[in-house]
PDB file of N, CA and C in Angstrom:
ATOM      1  N   UNK A   1     -29.649  -7.785 -17.806  1.00  0.00           N
ATOM      2  CA  UNK A   1     -28.991  -6.679 -17.145  1.00  0.00           C
ATOM      3  C   UNK A   1     -29.638  -6.479 -15.771  1.00  0.00           C
ATOM      4  N   UNK A   2     -28.840  -6.280 -14.761  1.00  0.00           N
ATOM      5  CA  UNK A   2     -29.340  -6.085 -13.397  1.00  0.00           C
ATOM      6  C   UNK A   2     -29.848  -4.657 -13.221  1.00  0.00           C
ATOM      7  N   UNK A   3     -30.858  -4.517 -12.368  1.00  0.00           N
ATOM      8  CA  UNK A   3     -31.348  -3.190 -12.024  1.00  0.00           C
ATOM      9  C   UNK A   3     -30.405  -2.567 -11.018  1.00  0.00           C
ATOM     10  N   UNK A   4     -30.290  -1.249 -11.078  1.00  0.00           N
ATOM     11  CA  UNK A   4     -29.462  -0.532 -10.126  1.00  0.00           C
ATOM     12  C   UNK A   4     -30.374   0.254  -9.197  1.00  0.00           C
ATOM     13  N   UNK A   5     -30.047   0.281  -7.923  1.00  0.00           N
ATOM     14  CA  UNK A   5     -30.767   1.082  -6.948  1.00  0.00           C
ATOM     15  C   UNK A   5     -29.832   2.193  -6.490  1.00  0.00           C
ATOM     16  N   UNK A   6     -30.282   3.429  -6.613  1.00  0.00           N
ATOM     17  CA  UNK A   6     -29.485   4.568  -6.193  1.00  0.00           C
ATOM     18  C   UNK A   6     -30.158   5.247  -5.016  1.00  0.00           C
ATOM     19  N   UNK A   7     -29.364   5.705  -4.090  1.00  0.00           N
ATOM     20  CA  UNK A   7     -29.884   6.447  -2.945  1.00  0.00           C
ATOM     21  C   UNK A   7     -28.823   7.441  -2.528  1.00  0.00           C
ATOM     22  N   UNK A   8     -29.227   8.618  -2.182  1.00  0.00           N
ATOM     23  CA  UNK A   8     -28.303   9.577  -1.596  1.00  0.00           C
ATOM     24  C   UNK A   8     -28.952  10.133  -0.355  1.00  0.00           C
ATOM     25  N   UNK A   9     -28.183  10.208   0.708  1.00  0.00           N
ATOM     26  CA  UNK A   9     -28.640  10.852   1.930  1.00  0.00           C
ATOM     27  C   UNK A   9     -27.427  11.346   2.693  1.00  0.00           C
ATOM     28  N   UNK A  10     -27.645  12.328   3.506  1.00  0.00           N
ATOM     29  CA  UNK A  10     -26.544  12.869   4.298  1.00  0.00           C
ATOM     30  C   UNK A  10     -26.185  11.890   5.410  1.00  0.00           C
ATOM     31  N   UNK A  11     -24.978  11.997   5.963  1.00  0.00           N
ATOM     32  CA  UNK A  11     -24.620  11.128   7.098  1.00  0.00           C
ATOM     33  C   UNK A  11     -25.595  11.251   8.267  1.00  0.00           C
ATOM     34  N   UNK A  12     -26.144  12.447   8.468  1.00  0.00           N
ATOM     35  CA  UNK A  12     -27.105  12.633   9.561  1.00  0.00           C
ATOM     36  C   UNK A  12     -28.379  11.820   9.304  1.00  0.00           C
ATOM     37  N   UNK A  13     -28.846  11.803   8.054  1.00  0.00           N
ATOM     38  CA  UNK A  13     -30.051  11.057   7.715  1.00  0.00           C
ATOM     39  C   UNK A  13     -29.831   9.552   7.862  1.00  0.00           C
ATOM     40  N   UNK A  14     -28.669   9.076   7.480  1.00  0.00           N
ATOM     41  CA  UNK A  14     -28.424   7.634   7.478  1.00  0.00           C
ATOM     42  C   UNK A  14     -27.974   7.101   8.831  1.00  0.00           C
ATOM     43  N   UNK A  15     -27.659   7.992   9.746  1.00  0.00           N
ATOM     44  CA  UNK A  15     -27.195   7.600  11.082  1.00  0.00           C
ATOM     45  C   UNK A  15     -26.012   6.629  10.975  1.00  0.00           C
ATOM     46  N   UNK A  16     -25.064   6.968  10.122  1.00  0.00           N
ATOM     47  CA  UNK A  16     -23.894   6.121   9.875  1.00  0.00           C
ATOM     48  C   UNK A  16     -23.027   6.033  11.122  1.00  0.00           C
ATOM     49  N   UNK A  17     -22.561   4.825  11.398  1.00  0.00           N
ATOM     50  CA  UNK A  17     -21.586   4.591  12.452  1.00  0.00           C
ATOM     51  C   UNK A  17     -20.310   4.110  11.779  1.00  0.00           C
ATOM     52  N   UNK A  18     -19.177   4.655  12.196  1.00  0.00           N
ATOM     53  CA  UNK A  18     -17.892   4.248  11.639  1.00  0.00           C
ATOM     54  C   UNK A  18     -17.065   3.641  12.765  1.00  0.00           C
ATOM     55  N   UNK A  19     -16.527   2.442  12.498  1.00  0.00           N
ATOM     56  CA  UNK A  19     -15.715   1.735  13.486  1.00  0.00           C
ATOM     57  C   UNK A  19     -14.397   1.343  12.834  1.00  0.00           C
ATOM     58  N   UNK A  20     -13.305   1.638  13.512  1.00  0.00           N
ATOM     59  CA  UNK A  20     -11.978   1.252  13.047  1.00  0.00           C
ATOM     60  C   UNK A  20     -11.520   0.087  13.921  1.00  0.00           C
ATOM     61  N   UNK A  21     -10.990  -0.963  13.282  1.00  0.00           N
ATOM     62  CA  UNK A  21     -10.573  -2.149  14.033  1.00  0.00           C
ATOM     63  C   UNK A  21      -9.179  -2.576  13.608  1.00  0.00           C
ATOM     64  N   UNK A  22      -8.381  -3.009  14.575  1.00  0.00           N
ATOM     65  CA  UNK A  22      -7.052  -3.550  14.290  1.00  0.00           C
ATOM     66  C   UNK A  22      -7.226  -4.856  13.528  1.00  0.00           C
ATOM     67  N   UNK A  23      -6.578  -4.994  12.387  1.00  0.00           N
ATOM     68  CA  UNK A  23      -6.754  -6.202  11.579  1.00  0.00           C
ATOM     69  C   UNK A  23      -5.726  -7.290  11.887  1.00  0.00           C
ATOM     70  N   UNK A  24      -4.866  -7.082  12.893  1.00  0.00           N
ATOM     71  CA  UNK A  24      -3.894  -8.098  13.285  1.00  0.00           C
ATOM     72  C   UNK A  24      -2.642  -8.118  12.435  1.00  0.00           C
ATOM     73  N   UNK A  25      -2.600  -7.310  11.397  1.00  0.00           N
ATOM     74  CA  UNK A  25      -1.428  -7.268  10.515  1.00  0.00           C
ATOM     75  C   UNK A  25      -0.734  -5.918  10.582  1.00  0.00           C
ATOM     76  N   UNK A  26      -0.984  -5.204  11.647  1.00  0.00           N
ATOM     77  CA  UNK A  26      -0.382  -3.880  11.789  1.00  0.00           C
ATOM     78  C   UNK A  26      -1.181  -2.772  11.141  1.00  0.00           C
ATOM     79  N   UNK A  27      -2.271  -3.127  10.472  1.00  0.00           N
ATOM     80  CA  UNK A  27      -3.120  -2.135   9.821  1.00  0.00           C
ATOM     81  C   UNK A  27      -4.475  -2.046  10.494  1.00  0.00           C
ATOM     82  N   UNK A  28      -5.334  -1.259   9.914  1.00  0.00           N
ATOM     83  CA  UNK A  28      -6.674  -1.073  10.456  1.00  0.00           C
ATOM     84  C   UNK A  28      -7.707  -1.331   9.372  1.00  0.00           C
ATOM     85  N   UNK A  29      -8.835  -1.915   9.754  1.00  0.00           N
ATOM     86  CA  UNK A  29      -9.983  -2.077   8.877  1.00  0.00           C
ATOM     87  C   UNK A  29     -11.021  -1.039   9.281  1.00  0.00           C
ATOM     88  N   UNK A  30     -11.756  -0.540   8.329  1.00  0.00           N
ATOM     89  CA  UNK A  30     -12.776   0.471   8.574  1.00  0.00           C
ATOM     90  C   UNK A  30     -14.138  -0.112   8.227  1.00  0.00           C
ATOM     91  N   UNK A  31     -15.062  -0.063   9.161  1.00  0.00           N
ATOM     92  CA  UNK A  31     -16.416  -0.570   8.956  1.00  0.00           C
ATOM     93  C   UNK A  31     -17.396   0.582   9.114  1.00  0.00           C
ATOM     94  N   UNK A  32     -18.406   0.604   8.244  1.00  0.00           N
ATOM     95  CA  UNK A  32     -19.465   1.601   8.343  1.00  0.00           C
ATOM     96  C   UNK A  32     -20.796   0.876   8.353  1.00  0.00           C
ATOM     97  N   UNK A  33     -21.703   1.335   9.189  1.00  0.00           N
ATOM     98  CA  UNK A  33     -23.034   0.750   9.212  1.00  0.00           C
ATOM     99  C   UNK A  33     -24.066   1.857   9.351  1.00  0.00           C
ATOM    100  N   UNK A  34     -25.259   1.578   8.841  1.00  0.00           N
ATOM    101  CA  UNK A  34     -26.331   2.555   8.926  1.00  0.00           C
ATOM    102  C   UNK A  34     -27.416   2.263   7.915  1.00  0.00           C
ATOM    103  N   UNK A  35     -28.208   3.265   7.657  1.00  0.00           N
ATOM    104  CA  UNK A  35     -29.332   3.169   6.733  1.00  0.00           C
ATOM    105  C   UNK A  35     -28.805   3.165   5.296  1.00  0.00           C
ATOM    106  N   UNK A  36     -29.190   2.150   4.511  1.00  0.00           N
ATOM    107  CA  UNK A  36     -28.778   2.067   3.113  1.00  0.00           C
ATOM    108  C   UNK A  36     -29.781   2.748   2.195  1.00  0.00           C
ATOM    109  N   UNK A  37     -31.058   2.416   2.349  1.00  0.00           N
ATOM    110  CA  UNK A  37     -32.094   2.934   1.446  1.00  0.00           C
ATOM    111  C   UNK A  37     -33.457   2.790   2.117  1.00  0.00           C
ATOM    112  N   UNK A  38     -34.376   3.704   1.809  1.00  0.00           N
ATOM    113  CA  UNK A  38     -35.733   3.664   2.353  1.00  0.00           C
ATOM    114  C   UNK A  38     -36.713   3.312   1.241  1.00  0.00           C
ATOM    115  N   UNK A  39     -37.674   2.481   1.568  1.00  0.00           N
ATOM    116  CA  UNK A  39     -38.704   2.107   0.604  1.00  0.00           C
ATOM    117  C   UNK A  39     -39.924   3.001   0.710  1.00  0.00           C
ATOM    118  N   UNK A  40     -40.625   3.125  -0.400  1.00  0.00           N
ATOM    119  CA  UNK A  40     -41.910   3.834  -0.466  1.00  0.00           C
ATOM    120  C   UNK A  40     -41.841   5.320  -0.132  1.00  0.00           C
ATOM    121  N   UNK A  41     -40.655   5.925  -0.231  1.00  0.00           N
ATOM    122  CA  UNK A  41     -40.533   7.379  -0.055  1.00  0.00           C
ATOM    123  C   UNK A  41     -39.660   7.924  -1.183  1.00  0.00           C
ATOM    124  N   UNK A  42     -39.917   9.154  -1.575  1.00  0.00           N
ATOM    125  CA  UNK A  42     -39.116   9.788  -2.621  1.00  0.00           C
ATOM    126  C   UNK A  42     -37.744  10.110  -2.049  1.00  0.00           C
ATOM    127  N   UNK A  43     -36.700   9.597  -2.723  1.00  0.00           N
ATOM    128  CA  UNK A  43     -35.353   9.854  -2.226  1.00  0.00           C
ATOM    129  C   UNK A  43     -34.805  11.138  -2.835  1.00  0.00           C
ATOM    130  N   UNK A  44     -33.568  11.470  -2.493  1.00  0.00           N
ATOM    131  CA  UNK A  44     -32.996  12.727  -2.984  1.00  0.00           C
ATOM    132  C   UNK A  44     -32.635  12.662  -4.459  1.00  0.00           C
ATOM    133  N   UNK A  45     -32.699  11.475  -5.062  1.00  0.00           N
ATOM    134  CA  UNK A  45     -32.527  11.342  -6.511  1.00  0.00           C
ATOM    135  C   UNK A  45     -33.865  11.453  -7.228  1.00  0.00           C
ATOM    136  N   UNK A  46     -34.946  11.671  -6.468  1.00  0.00           N
ATOM    137  CA  UNK A  46     -36.280  11.811  -7.052  1.00  0.00           C
ATOM    138  C   UNK A  46     -36.957  10.492  -7.367  1.00  0.00           C
ATOM    139  N   UNK A  47     -36.416   9.386  -6.871  1.00  0.00           N
ATOM    140  CA  UNK A  47     -36.983   8.065  -7.151  1.00  0.00           C
ATOM    141  C   UNK A  47     -37.699   7.522  -5.920  1.00  0.00           C
ATOM    142  N   UNK A  48     -38.661   6.632  -6.177  1.00  0.00           N
ATOM    143  CA  UNK A  48     -39.356   5.915  -5.110  1.00  0.00           C
ATOM    144  C   UNK A  48     -39.176   4.427  -5.373  1.00  0.00           C
ATOM    145  N   UNK A  49     -38.575   3.712  -4.421  1.00  0.00           N
ATOM    146  CA  UNK A  49     -38.400   2.263  -4.548  1.00  0.00           C
ATOM    147  C   UNK A  49     -39.432   1.578  -3.660  1.00  0.00           C
ATOM    148  N   UNK A  50     -40.330   0.801  -4.244  1.00  0.00           N
ATOM    149  CA  UNK A  50     -41.353   0.117  -3.449  1.00  0.00           C
ATOM    150  C   UNK A  50     -40.714  -0.862  -2.452  1.00  0.00           C
ATOM    151  N   UNK A  51     -41.301  -0.926  -1.278  1.00  0.00           N
ATOM    152  CA  UNK A  51     -40.797  -1.813  -0.232  1.00  0.00           C
ATOM    153  C   UNK A  51     -40.693  -3.252  -0.727  1.00  0.00           C
ATOM    154  N   UNK A  52     -41.690  -3.730  -1.485  1.00  0.00           N
ATOM    155  CA  UNK A  52     -41.663  -5.128  -1.926  1.00  0.00           C
ATOM    156  C   UNK A  52     -40.492  -5.411  -2.867  1.00  0.00           C
ATOM    157  N   UNK A  53     -40.066  -4.412  -3.636  1.00  0.00           N
ATOM    158  CA  UNK A  53     -38.902  -4.582  -4.517  1.00  0.00           C
ATOM    159  C   UNK A  53     -37.633  -4.664  -3.675  1.00  0.00           C
ATOM    160  N   UNK A  54     -37.520  -3.788  -2.696  1.00  0.00           N
ATOM    161  CA  UNK A  54     -36.343  -3.823  -1.819  1.00  0.00           C
ATOM    162  C   UNK A  54     -36.268  -5.147  -1.056  1.00  0.00           C
ATOM    163  N   UNK A  55     -37.395  -5.627  -0.547  1.00  0.00           N
ATOM    164  CA  UNK A  55     -37.411  -6.911   0.170  1.00  0.00           C
ATOM    165  C   UNK A  55     -36.909  -8.038  -0.721  1.00  0.00           C
ATOM    166  N   UNK A  56     -37.408  -8.077  -1.937  1.00  0.00           N
ATOM    167  CA  UNK A  56     -37.001  -9.125  -2.881  1.00  0.00           C
ATOM    168  C   UNK A  56     -35.513  -9.047  -3.181  1.00  0.00           C
ATOM    169  N   UNK A  57     -35.016  -7.855  -3.446  1.00  0.00           N
ATOM    170  CA  UNK A  57     -33.617  -7.699  -3.833  1.00  0.00           C
ATOM    171  C   UNK A  57     -32.672  -7.943  -2.660  1.00  0.00           C
ATOM    172  N   UNK A  58     -33.063  -7.582  -1.458  1.00  0.00           N
ATOM    173  CA  UNK A  58     -32.232  -7.868  -0.280  1.00  0.00           C
ATOM    174  C   UNK A  58     -32.160  -9.369  -0.056  1.00  0.00           C
ATOM    175  N   UNK A  59     -33.274 -10.068  -0.247  1.00  0.00           N
ATOM    176  CA  UNK A  59     -33.262 -11.538  -0.129  1.00  0.00           C
ATOM    177  C   UNK A  59     -32.312 -12.140  -1.168  1.00  0.00           C
ATOM    178  N   UNK A  60     -32.390 -11.678  -2.414  1.00  0.00           N
ATOM    179  CA  UNK A  60     -31.522 -12.184  -3.482  1.00  0.00           C
ATOM    180  C   UNK A  60     -30.048 -11.857  -3.225  1.00  0.00           C
ATOM    181  N   UNK A  61     -29.785 -10.750  -2.574  1.00  0.00           N
ATOM    182  CA  UNK A  61     -28.420 -10.265  -2.333  1.00  0.00           C
ATOM    183  C   UNK A  61     -27.694 -11.048  -1.234  1.00  0.00           C
ATOM    184  N   UNK A  62     -28.453 -11.760  -0.403  1.00  0.00           N
ATOM    185  CA  UNK A  62     -27.856 -12.457   0.735  1.00  0.00           C
ATOM    186  C   UNK A  62     -26.776 -13.452   0.310  1.00  0.00           C
ATOM    187  N   UNK A  63     -26.981 -14.139  -0.805  1.00  0.00           N
ATOM    188  CA  UNK A  63     -25.989 -15.130  -1.262  1.00  0.00           C
ATOM    189  C   UNK A  63     -24.660 -14.442  -1.572  1.00  0.00           C
ATOM    190  N   UNK A  64     -24.714 -13.310  -2.248  1.00  0.00           N
ATOM    191  CA  UNK A  64     -23.485 -12.566  -2.549  1.00  0.00           C
ATOM    192  C   UNK A  64     -22.789 -12.103  -1.273  1.00  0.00           C
ATOM    193  N   UNK A  65     -23.570 -11.663  -0.309  1.00  0.00           N
ATOM    194  CA  UNK A  65     -22.999 -11.231   0.967  1.00  0.00           C
ATOM    195  C   UNK A  65     -22.306 -12.406   1.642  1.00  0.00           C
ATOM    196  N   UNK A  66     -22.981 -13.540   1.715  1.00  0.00           N
ATOM    197  CA  UNK A  66     -22.412 -14.727   2.365  1.00  0.00           C
ATOM    198  C   UNK A  66     -21.139 -15.194   1.674  1.00  0.00           C
ATOM    199  N   UNK A  67     -21.056 -15.032   0.366  1.00  0.00           N
ATOM    200  CA  UNK A  67     -19.883 -15.454  -0.399  1.00  0.00           C
ATOM    201  C   UNK A  67     -18.808 -14.363  -0.472  1.00  0.00           C
ATOM    202  N   UNK A  68     -19.018 -13.260   0.234  1.00  0.00           N
ATOM    203  CA  UNK A  68     -18.071 -12.143   0.253  1.00  0.00           C
ATOM    204  C   UNK A  68     -17.865 -11.548  -1.153  1.00  0.00           C
ATOM    205  N   UNK A  69     -18.928 -11.580  -1.963  1.00  0.00           N
ATOM    206  CA  UNK A  69     -18.866 -11.061  -3.338  1.00  0.00           C
ATOM    207  C   UNK A  69     -19.763  -9.852  -3.552  1.00  0.00           C
ATOM    208  N   UNK A  70     -20.322  -9.307  -2.484  1.00  0.00           N
ATOM    209  CA  UNK A  70     -21.197  -8.139  -2.578  1.00  0.00           C
ATOM    210  C   UNK A  70     -20.327  -6.882  -2.477  1.00  0.00           C
ATOM    211  N   UNK A  71     -19.874  -6.411  -3.620  1.00  0.00           N
ATOM    212  CA  UNK A  71     -18.948  -5.279  -3.657  1.00  0.00           C
ATOM    213  C   UNK A  71     -19.614  -4.064  -4.268  1.00  0.00           C
ATOM    214  N   UNK A  72     -19.065  -2.915  -3.945  1.00  0.00           N
ATOM    215  CA  UNK A  72     -19.607  -1.684  -4.492  1.00  0.00           C
ATOM    216  C   UNK A  72     -18.527  -0.700  -4.854  1.00  0.00           C
ATOM    217  N   UNK A  73     -18.918   0.303  -5.618  1.00  0.00           N
ATOM    218  CA  UNK A  73     -18.035   1.376  -6.033  1.00  0.00           C
ATOM    219  C   UNK A  73     -18.515   2.681  -5.410  1.00  0.00           C
ATOM    220  N   UNK A  74     -17.608   3.633  -5.280  1.00  0.00           N
ATOM    221  CA  UNK A  74     -18.004   4.967  -4.833  1.00  0.00           C
ATOM    222  C   UNK A  74     -18.871   5.621  -5.901  1.00  0.00           C
ATOM    223  N   UNK A  75     -19.647   6.575  -5.480  1.00  0.00           N
ATOM    224  CA  UNK A  75     -20.531   7.304  -6.384  1.00  0.00           C
ATOM    225  C   UNK A  75     -21.529   6.341  -7.031  1.00  0.00           C
ATOM    226  N   UNK A  76     -21.998   6.683  -8.188  1.00  0.00           N
ATOM    227  CA  UNK A  76     -22.966   5.863  -8.906  1.00  0.00           C
ATOM    228  C   UNK A  76     -22.431   5.622 -10.315  1.00  0.00           C
ATOM    229  N   UNK A  77     -21.705   4.524 -10.530  1.00  0.00           N
ATOM    230  CA  UNK A  77     -21.186   4.264 -11.873  1.00  0.00           C
ATOM    231  C   UNK A  77     -22.321   4.061 -12.875  1.00  0.00           C
ATOM    232  N   UNK A  78     -22.024   4.260 -14.141  1.00  0.00           N
ATOM    233  CA  UNK A  78     -23.032   4.119 -15.192  1.00  0.00           C
ATOM    234  C   UNK A  78     -23.468   2.669 -15.391  1.00  0.00           C
ATOM    235  N   UNK A  79     -22.585   1.738 -15.108  1.00  0.00           N
ATOM    236  CA  UNK A  79     -22.872   0.323 -15.332  1.00  0.00           C
ATOM    237  C   UNK A  79     -23.287  -0.355 -14.033  1.00  0.00           C
ATOM    238  N   UNK A  80     -24.149  -1.365 -14.135  1.00  0.00           N
ATOM    239  CA  UNK A  80     -24.518  -2.141 -12.949  1.00  0.00           C
ATOM    240  C   UNK A  80     -23.470  -3.202 -12.632  1.00  0.00           C
ATOM    241  N   UNK A  81     -22.493  -3.371 -13.530  1.00  0.00           N
ATOM    242  CA  UNK A  81     -21.399  -4.318 -13.314  1.00  0.00           C
ATOM    243  C   UNK A  81     -20.307  -3.614 -12.524  1.00  0.00           C
ATOM    244  N   UNK A  82     -19.965  -4.169 -11.359  1.00  0.00           N
ATOM    245  CA  UNK A  82     -18.933  -3.572 -10.523  1.00  0.00           C
ATOM    246  C   UNK A  82     -17.566  -3.912 -11.118  1.00  0.00           C
ATOM    247  N   UNK A  83     -16.782  -2.883 -11.389  1.00  0.00           N
ATOM    248  CA  UNK A  83     -15.426  -3.050 -11.906  1.00  0.00           C
ATOM    249  C   UNK A  83     -14.492  -3.309 -10.719  1.00  0.00           C
ATOM    250  N   UNK A  84     -13.820  -4.449 -10.721  1.00  0.00           N
ATOM    251  CA  UNK A  84     -12.948  -4.794  -9.596  1.00  0.00           C
ATOM    252  C   UNK A  84     -11.906  -3.719  -9.318  1.00  0.00           C
ATOM    253  N   UNK A  85     -11.399  -3.087 -10.357  1.00  0.00           N
ATOM    254  CA  UNK A  85     -10.387  -2.036 -10.160  1.00  0.00           C
ATOM    255  C   UNK A  85     -10.956  -0.819  -9.427  1.00  0.00           C
ATOM    256  N   UNK A  86     -12.289  -0.694  -9.373  1.00  0.00           N
ATOM    257  CA  UNK A  86     -12.928   0.456  -8.729  1.00  0.00           C
ATOM    258  C   UNK A  86     -13.627   0.116  -7.418  1.00  0.00           C
ATOM    259  N   UNK A  87     -13.496  -1.119  -6.946  1.00  0.00           N
ATOM    260  CA  UNK A  87     -14.192  -1.528  -5.724  1.00  0.00           C
ATOM    261  C   UNK A  87     -13.724  -0.664  -4.549  1.00  0.00           C
ATOM    262  N   UNK A  88     -14.683  -0.114  -3.823  1.00  0.00           N
ATOM    263  CA  UNK A  88     -14.367   0.712  -2.659  1.00  0.00           C
ATOM    264  C   UNK A  88     -14.793   0.053  -1.351  1.00  0.00           C
ATOM    265  N   UNK A  89     -15.702  -0.923  -1.438  1.00  0.00           N
ATOM    266  CA  UNK A  89     -16.196  -1.545  -0.209  1.00  0.00           C
ATOM    267  C   UNK A  89     -16.820  -2.910  -0.505  1.00  0.00           C
ATOM    268  N   UNK A  90     -16.935  -3.685   0.576  1.00  0.00           N
ATOM    269  CA  UNK A  90     -17.618  -4.982   0.527  1.00  0.00           C
ATOM    270  C   UNK A  90     -18.793  -4.894   1.482  1.00  0.00           C
ATOM    271  N   UNK A  91     -19.967  -5.278   1.012  1.00  0.00           N
ATOM    272  CA  UNK A  91     -21.156  -5.282   1.874  1.00  0.00           C
ATOM    273  C   UNK A  91     -21.073  -6.515   2.762  1.00  0.00           C
ATOM    274  N   UNK A  92     -21.093  -6.296   4.064  1.00  0.00           N
ATOM    275  CA  UNK A  92     -20.971  -7.384   5.027  1.00  0.00           C
ATOM    276  C   UNK A  92     -22.312  -7.856   5.553  1.00  0.00           C
ATOM    277  N   UNK A  93     -23.318  -6.963   5.495  1.00  0.00           N
ATOM    278  CA  UNK A  93     -24.629  -7.322   6.040  1.00  0.00           C
ATOM    279  C   UNK A  93     -25.656  -6.342   5.505  1.00  0.00           C
ATOM    280  N   UNK A  94     -26.865  -6.836   5.215  1.00  0.00           N
ATOM    281  CA  UNK A  94     -27.978  -5.982   4.794  1.00  0.00           C
ATOM    282  C   UNK A  94     -29.274  -6.657   5.210  1.00  0.00           C
ATOM    283  N   UNK A  95     -30.181  -5.877   5.785  1.00  0.00           N
ATOM    284  CA  UNK A  95     -31.469  -6.433   6.218  1.00  0.00           C
ATOM    285  C   UNK A  95     -32.543  -5.344   6.205  1.00  0.00           C
ATOM    286  N   UNK A  96     -33.785  -5.809   6.087  1.00  0.00           N
ATOM    287  CA  UNK A  96     -34.944  -4.911   6.130  1.00  0.00           C
ATOM    288  C   UNK A  96     -35.421  -4.776   7.575  1.00  0.00           C
ATOM    289  N   UNK A  97     -35.799  -3.569   7.914  1.00  0.00           N
ATOM    290  CA  UNK A  97     -36.453  -3.300   9.193  1.00  0.00           C
ATOM    291  C   UNK A  97     -37.575  -2.316   8.870  1.00  0.00           C
ATOM    292  N   UNK A  98     -38.788  -2.854   8.784  1.00  0.00           N
ATOM    293  CA  UNK A  98     -39.900  -2.023   8.324  1.00  0.00           C
ATOM    294  C   UNK A  98     -39.713  -1.720   6.850  1.00  0.00           C
ATOM    295  N   UNK A  99     -39.728  -0.416   6.508  1.00  0.00           N
ATOM    296  CA  UNK A  99     -39.555   0.024   5.117  1.00  0.00           C
ATOM    297  C   UNK A  99     -38.105   0.391   4.800  1.00  0.00           C
ATOM    298  N   UNK A 100     -37.179   0.127   5.722  1.00  0.00           N
ATOM    299  CA  UNK A 100     -35.817   0.605   5.615  1.00  0.00           C
ATOM    300  C   UNK A 100     -34.843  -0.560   5.483  1.00  0.00           C
ATOM    301  N   UNK A 101     -33.827  -0.382   4.616  1.00  0.00           N
ATOM    302  CA  UNK A 101     -32.736  -1.336   4.514  1.00  0.00           C
ATOM    303  C   UNK A 101     -31.555  -0.768   5.307  1.00  0.00           C
ATOM    304  N   UNK A 102     -31.092  -1.533   6.279  1.00  0.00           N
ATOM    305  CA  UNK A 102     -29.906  -1.202   7.058  1.00  0.00           C
ATOM    306  C   UNK A 102     -28.820  -2.193   6.699  1.00  0.00           C
ATOM    307  N   UNK A 103     -27.573  -1.824   6.905  1.00  0.00           N
ATOM    308  CA  UNK A 103     -26.510  -2.754   6.633  1.00  0.00           C
ATOM    309  C   UNK A 103     -25.164  -2.235   7.078  1.00  0.00           C
ATOM    310  N   UNK A 104     -24.135  -2.994   6.740  1.00  0.00           N
ATOM    311  CA  UNK A 104     -22.779  -2.596   7.072  1.00  0.00           C
ATOM    312  C   UNK A 104     -21.852  -2.940   5.922  1.00  0.00           C
ATOM    313  N   UNK A 105     -20.814  -2.142   5.778  1.00  0.00           N
ATOM    314  CA  UNK A 105     -19.807  -2.335   4.742  1.00  0.00           C
ATOM    315  C   UNK A 105     -18.425  -2.274   5.376  1.00  0.00           C
ATOM    316  N   UNK A 106     -17.462  -2.892   4.685  1.00  0.00           N
ATOM    317  CA  UNK A 106     -16.070  -2.832   5.115  1.00  0.00           C
ATOM    318  C   UNK A 106     -15.291  -2.135   4.015  1.00  0.00           C
TER     319      UNK A 106
END
């Protein structure tokens, strides 16, 4: 069973940027980027994720990102298995900068 990492922060804390782009088919794609999770600090869920764990998991996650299979659901589902019927976003990029994981989703 995979471990789940939960984080909650306000948009102000995460410095989220939202970009809308024409997708060439008459519609628009929505991209969000910003702070995903901080290591070695107590988050608003009362948990502390060590930086070394985040580094390891971000490295492991890169393959899923490259294969366009890094998907997520809104909120925090009970299962670590993402239900395709509930997918709300695709992670396009994630990287460590110091103790912080930054990334972007579509």
